[in-house]
């Protein structure tokens, strides 16, 4: 959805002032951050993904994190504009 912000602003009659992407790759999250992230994933995916699959993914993710092979990339899209009168 984020990649469509400029077009959505145009369609809504909003003058686009700025748009972009914040990109941060996290290679070494703290153990606390990792646990918080997984708590959110497990909550969000409960009932949608079998618990056994979630636990397998969590184990694989933990293994990659401990080996220094995990990279988390979550781009954040933003746009700012002015309403045209």
Protein backbone atom coordinates (compact mmCIF):
# COMPACT_ATOMS: atom_id res chain seq x y z
CA UNK A 1 0.00 0.00 0.00
CA UNK A 2 2.83 2.39 0.86
CA UNK A 3 4.12 2.46 -2.70
CA UNK A 4 0.75 3.84 -3.82
CA UNK A 5 0.65 6.81 -1.45
CA UNK A 6 1.59 9.41 -4.10
CA UNK A 7 -1.16 8.19 -6.43
CA UNK A 8 -3.68 8.07 -3.60
CA UNK A 9 -2.84 11.66 -2.64
CA UNK A 10 -3.29 12.75 -6.27
CA UNK A 11 -6.65 10.97 -6.56
CA UNK A 12 -7.83 12.62 -3.32
CA UNK A 13 -6.85 16.08 -4.56
CA UNK A 14 -3.97 16.45 -2.14
CA UNK A 15 -0.85 18.25 -3.32
CA UNK A 16 2.08 15.96 -2.64
CA UNK A 17 4.83 17.75 -0.72
CA UNK A 18 7.06 14.81 0.13
CA UNK A 19 7.06 11.05 -0.12
CA UNK A 20 9.63 8.41 0.65
CA UNK A 21 10.65 5.30 2.48
CA UNK A 22 12.48 4.85 5.74
CA UNK A 23 14.49 1.67 5.50
CA UNK A 24 16.29 0.16 8.42
CA UNK A 25 17.73 -3.34 8.45
CA UNK A 26 18.10 -4.82 11.93
CA UNK A 27 20.63 -7.61 12.18
CA UNK A 28 20.94 -7.98 15.95
CA UNK A 29 17.71 -7.32 17.86
CA UNK A 30 17.92 -7.55 21.63
CA UNK A 31 16.42 -10.69 23.17
CA UNK A 32 13.63 -8.53 24.62
CA UNK A 33 12.81 -6.99 21.23
CA UNK A 34 12.84 -10.43 19.63
CA UNK A 35 10.44 -11.81 22.27
CA UNK A 36 8.12 -8.80 21.83
CA UNK A 37 8.16 -9.22 18.05
CA UNK A 38 7.29 -12.91 18.33
CA UNK A 39 4.54 -12.26 20.87
CA UNK A 40 2.93 -9.89 18.34
CA UNK A 41 3.37 -12.38 15.48
CA UNK A 42 1.87 -15.23 17.49
CA UNK A 43 -1.08 -13.06 18.52
CA UNK A 44 -1.68 -11.75 14.99
CA UNK A 45 -1.44 -15.18 13.37
CA UNK A 46 -3.37 -17.18 15.99
CA UNK A 47 -6.10 -19.13 14.22
CA UNK A 48 -4.65 -18.35 10.79
CA UNK A 49 -1.43 -20.38 10.96
CA UNK A 50 -1.20 -23.70 12.79
CA UNK A 51 0.58 -23.37 16.13
CA UNK A 52 3.08 -26.07 15.13
CA UNK A 53 4.06 -24.04 12.04
CA UNK A 54 4.46 -20.88 14.12
CA UNK A 55 6.68 -22.67 16.61
CA UNK A 56 8.80 -24.09 13.78
CA UNK A 57 9.22 -20.61 12.28
CA UNK A 58 10.09 -19.19 15.69
CA UNK A 59 12.76 -21.87 16.25
CA UNK A 60 14.26 -21.24 12.80
CA UNK A 61 14.22 -17.48 13.40
CA UNK A 62 15.88 -17.89 16.80
CA UNK A 63 18.55 -20.13 15.30
CA UNK A 64 19.28 -17.58 12.56
CA UNK A 65 19.41 -14.79 15.16
CA UNK A 66 21.83 -16.69 17.38
CA UNK A 67 24.06 -17.48 14.38
CA UNK A 68 24.03 -13.83 13.28
CA UNK A 69 22.28 -14.75 10.03
CA UNK A 70 18.96 -12.97 10.66
CA UNK A 71 18.16 -9.72 8.90
CA UNK A 72 14.85 -7.98 9.50
CA UNK A 73 13.86 -5.46 6.85
CA UNK A 74 10.66 -3.50 7.43
CA UNK A 75 10.34 -0.45 5.17
CA UNK A 76 8.12 2.37 6.39
CA UNK A 77 6.46 4.46 3.69
CA UNK A 78 5.42 8.05 4.30
CA UNK A 79 3.83 10.96 2.46
CA UNK A 80 2.94 14.52 3.35
CA UNK A 81 0.80 16.94 1.44
CA UNK A 82 -1.49 19.97 1.35
CA UNK A 83 -5.18 19.97 0.61
CA UNK A 84 -5.84 21.94 -2.58
CA UNK A 85 -8.63 24.50 -2.34
